[in-house]
């Protein structure tokens, strides 16, 4: 039975960088955010539900209107919760279908929010990636050209790192890439050892 490592962390912590390191070790990686965007675009049923919730402007020329959706849910936690309730079950089905054809010892599921939606029991292991807030802010500014106010608001929608790390099996402090690589390798070996009782 293939095990599932949930990979999470606050915005700008470097989850995707860590995910790529697992991929380099030939571990299959499922990116839940990318899958959500694909499903929001391709699933007629989900599209309809999103339009009912947010209005026809949620799609522009039949394409997902990301700017409009971000604007709508940015400071509205109720709406954010409602859209998550529509999208997450679809992503879960898609992930299970993907998982059923995997043959590796374990896979990585990269998810922005695990503890926020009380999904801890869906994983065999949870890895939280952290980094100092100043470093995370700098990374997001460079990546998204976002304003400091917007970054702070996005961060406020996620649990604090201390809460996440306390509930995690593994924690990577992603400051130095060589060190992060070593930590990924150690986790990879630990899971293999536990699986084969070495």
Protein backbone atom coordinates (compact mmCIF):
# COMPACT_ATOMS: atom_id res chain seq x y z
CA UNK A 1 0.00 0.00 0.00
CA UNK A 2 1.49 3.31 -1.09
CA UNK A 3 1.89 5.75 1.77
CA UNK A 4 1.00 9.44 1.50
CA UNK A 5 3.22 12.24 2.75
CA UNK A 6 1.29 15.49 3.07
CA UNK A 7 3.55 18.44 2.24
CA UNK A 8 2.35 21.78 3.60
CA UNK A 9 3.63 25.13 4.80
CA UNK A 10 2.73 28.80 4.78
CA UNK A 11 2.83 30.92 1.64
CA UNK A 12 6.43 31.63 0.62
CA UNK A 13 7.88 28.83 2.77
CA UNK A 14 9.15 26.94 -0.28
CA UNK A 15 6.76 23.96 -0.55
CA UNK A 16 7.19 23.75 -4.32
CA UNK A 17 11.00 23.83 -4.03
CA UNK A 18 10.82 20.94 -1.56
CA UNK A 19 8.33 19.08 -3.79
CA UNK A 20 10.81 19.30 -6.69
CA UNK A 21 13.51 17.78 -4.46
CA UNK A 22 11.24 14.79 -3.80
CA UNK A 23 10.56 14.51 -7.54
CA UNK A 24 14.33 14.42 -8.12
CA UNK A 25 14.34 11.31 -5.88
CA UNK A 26 11.68 9.83 -8.23
CA UNK A 27 8.85 10.23 -5.73
CA UNK A 28 5.52 10.99 -7.48
CA UNK A 29 4.16 14.41 -6.44
CA UNK A 30 0.52 15.54 -6.63
CA UNK A 31 -0.01 19.30 -6.43
CA UNK A 32 -3.49 19.91 -4.97
CA UNK A 33 -3.57 23.63 -5.89
CA UNK A 34 -2.77 22.94 -9.54
CA UNK A 35 -5.34 20.13 -9.59
CA UNK A 36 -7.95 22.47 -8.08
CA UNK A 37 -7.37 25.07 -10.82
CA UNK A 38 -7.57 22.39 -13.53
CA UNK A 39 -10.81 20.98 -12.09
CA UNK A 40 -12.33 24.45 -11.70
CA UNK A 41 -11.72 24.85 -15.41
CA UNK A 42 -12.61 21.36 -16.67
CA UNK A 43 -15.46 20.10 -14.45
CA UNK A 44 -18.84 21.32 -15.75
CA UNK A 45 -20.52 20.45 -12.45
CA UNK A 46 -17.94 22.37 -10.39
CA UNK A 47 -18.07 25.31 -12.80
CA UNK A 48 -21.82 25.56 -12.33
CA UNK A 49 -21.55 25.49 -8.53
CA UNK A 50 -18.84 28.20 -8.56
CA UNK A 51 -21.00 30.42 -10.79
CA UNK A 52 -23.94 29.93 -8.41
CA UNK A 53 -21.74 30.95 -5.48
CA UNK A 54 -19.76 33.82 -7.00
CA UNK A 55 -21.78 34.86 -10.05
CA UNK A 56 -21.23 34.56 -13.82
CA UNK A 57 -18.10 36.76 -13.62
CA UNK A 58 -16.23 33.83 -12.03
CA UNK A 59 -15.55 32.79 -15.64
CA UNK A 60 -14.55 35.07 -18.49
CA UNK A 61 -14.88 33.74 -22.05
CA UNK A 62 -15.26 30.28 -20.49
CA UNK A 63 -11.92 30.65 -18.66
CA UNK A 64 -11.50 30.73 -14.90
CA UNK A 65 -11.36 34.40 -13.86
CA UNK A 66 -8.65 34.06 -11.20
CA UNK A 67 -8.38 37.80 -10.54
CA UNK A 68 -12.11 38.14 -9.90
CA UNK A 69 -12.21 35.06 -7.63
CA UNK A 70 -9.13 36.19 -5.64
CA UNK A 71 -10.71 39.61 -5.16
CA UNK A 72 -13.98 38.09 -3.97
CA UNK A 73 -12.51 35.69 -1.41
CA UNK A 74 -9.48 37.80 -0.40
CA UNK A 75 -10.95 39.30 2.77
CA UNK A 76 -14.06 37.11 3.03
CA UNK A 77 -13.39 34.05 5.17
CA UNK A 78 -16.99 32.82 4.81
CA UNK A 79 -16.76 32.84 1.02
CA UNK A 80 -13.31 31.23 1.18
CA UNK A 81 -14.76 28.43 3.28
CA UNK A 82 -17.67 27.98 0.87
CA UNK A 83 -15.48 27.75 -2.21
CA UNK A 84 -13.13 25.32 -0.43
CA UNK A 85 -16.17 23.17 0.41
CA UNK A 86 -16.97 22.96 -3.31
CA UNK A 87 -13.46 22.39 -4.61
CA UNK A 88 -11.85 20.11 -1.98
CA UNK A 89 -14.15 17.08 -2.47
CA UNK A 90 -13.46 17.19 -6.24
CA UNK A 91 -9.70 17.36 -5.62
CA UNK A 92 -9.95 14.45 -3.14
CA UNK A 93 -11.64 12.27 -5.78
CA UNK A 94 -9.04 13.24 -8.38
CA UNK A 95 -6.20 12.49 -5.95
CA UNK A 96 -7.63 9.07 -5.03
CA UNK A 97 -7.89 8.18 -8.70
CA UNK A 98 -4.24 9.29 -9.23
CA UNK A 99 -3.08 7.43 -6.10
CA UNK A 100 -4.71 4.18 -7.22
CA UNK A 101 -2.25 3.86 -10.13
CA UNK A 102 0.92 4.70 -8.16
CA UNK A 103 3.33 1.89 -7.30
CA UNK A 104 6.04 3.71 -5.31
CA UNK A 105 6.66 3.23 -1.58
CA UNK A 106 5.14 6.65 -0.95
CA UNK A 107 3.86 9.72 -2.77
CA UNK A 108 3.87 13.40 -1.87
CA UNK A 109 0.66 15.42 -1.86
CA UNK A 110 1.49 19.12 -1.86
CA UNK A 111 -1.34 20.97 -0.10
CA UNK A 112 -1.41 24.60 1.06
CA UNK A 113 -3.88 23.84 3.84
CA UNK A 114 -4.08 20.57 5.82
CA UNK A 115 -4.59 21.59 9.44
CA UNK A 116 -6.86 24.51 8.49
CA UNK A 117 -9.45 22.07 7.12
CA UNK A 118 -8.75 19.32 9.69
CA UNK A 119 -7.48 16.88 7.04
CA UNK A 120 -4.61 15.43 9.08
CA UNK A 121 -6.11 11.92 9.13
CA UNK A 122 -5.83 11.67 5.32
CA UNK A 123 -2.05 11.25 5.49
CA UNK A 124 0.44 8.69 6.78
CA UNK A 125 2.96 11.46 7.42
CA UNK A 126 2.85 15.26 7.39
CA UNK A 127 5.80 17.46 6.53
CA UNK A 128 5.62 21.20 7.23
CA UNK A 129 8.06 23.53 5.48
CA UNK A 130 8.87 26.73 7.36
CA UNK A 131 11.08 29.77 6.90
CA UNK A 132 11.48 33.07 8.77
CA UNK A 133 8.61 35.45 7.96
CA UNK A 134 10.93 38.13 6.54
CA UNK A 135 12.34 35.59 4.09
CA UNK A 136 8.86 34.37 3.11
CA UNK A 137 7.67 37.95 2.48
CA UNK A 138 10.72 38.63 0.31
CA UNK A 139 10.14 35.46 -1.73
CA UNK A 140 6.47 36.34 -2.37
CA UNK A 141 7.33 39.93 -3.36
CA UNK A 142 9.88 38.61 -5.86
CA UNK A 143 7.59 35.85 -7.16
CA UNK A 144 4.22 37.61 -7.32
CA UNK A 145 5.07 41.33 -7.13
CA UNK A 146 2.42 41.45 -4.39
CA UNK A 147 2.04 44.30 -1.91
CA UNK A 148 3.03 43.84 1.73
CA UNK A 149 -0.62 44.37 2.82
CA UNK A 150 -1.83 41.60 0.51
CA UNK A 151 0.90 39.22 1.68
CA UNK A 152 0.04 39.84 5.34
CA UNK A 153 -3.66 39.23 4.59
CA UNK A 154 -2.83 35.94 2.82
CA UNK A 155 -0.67 34.87 5.75
CA UNK A 156 -3.49 35.65 8.20
CA UNK A 157 -5.69 33.07 6.42
CA UNK A 158 -3.20 30.32 7.29
CA UNK A 159 -2.36 28.78 10.64
CA UNK A 160 0.81 29.94 12.37
CA UNK A 161 3.88 27.74 11.81
CA UNK A 162 4.13 26.81 15.50
CA UNK A 163 0.69 25.19 15.40
CA UNK A 164 1.53 23.29 12.22
CA UNK A 165 4.96 22.06 13.27
CA UNK A 166 3.59 20.78 16.59
CA UNK A 167 1.22 18.49 14.65
CA UNK A 168 3.72 17.39 11.97
CA UNK A 169 5.84 14.24 11.66
CA UNK A 170 8.60 16.13 9.89
CA UNK A 171 9.63 19.80 9.74
CA UNK A 172 12.00 21.40 7.23
CA UNK A 173 13.38 24.87 7.93
CA UNK A 174 13.93 26.06 4.37
CA UNK A 175 16.66 28.69 4.62
CA UNK A 176 19.70 27.10 2.99
CA UNK A 177 18.99 24.97 -0.12
CA UNK A 178 21.79 22.48 0.50
CA UNK A 179 20.53 21.92 4.03
CA UNK A 180 16.93 21.59 2.76
CA UNK A 181 18.11 18.99 0.24
CA UNK A 182 19.77 17.01 3.03
CA UNK A 183 16.58 17.15 5.15
CA UNK A 184 14.49 15.88 2.19
CA UNK A 185 16.95 13.02 1.69
CA UNK A 186 16.76 12.12 5.42
CA UNK A 187 12.93 12.05 5.33
CA UNK A 188 13.01 9.91 2.18
CA UNK A 189 15.30 7.41 3.90
CA UNK A 190 13.24 7.40 7.11
CA UNK A 191 10.02 6.52 5.23
CA UNK A 192 11.79 3.74 3.32
CA UNK A 193 13.30 2.33 6.51
CA UNK A 194 9.96 2.37 8.33
CA UNK A 195 8.20 0.74 5.38
CA UNK A 196 10.69 -2.11 5.18
CA UNK A 197 11.32 -2.25 8.97
CA UNK A 198 15.04 -1.76 8.45
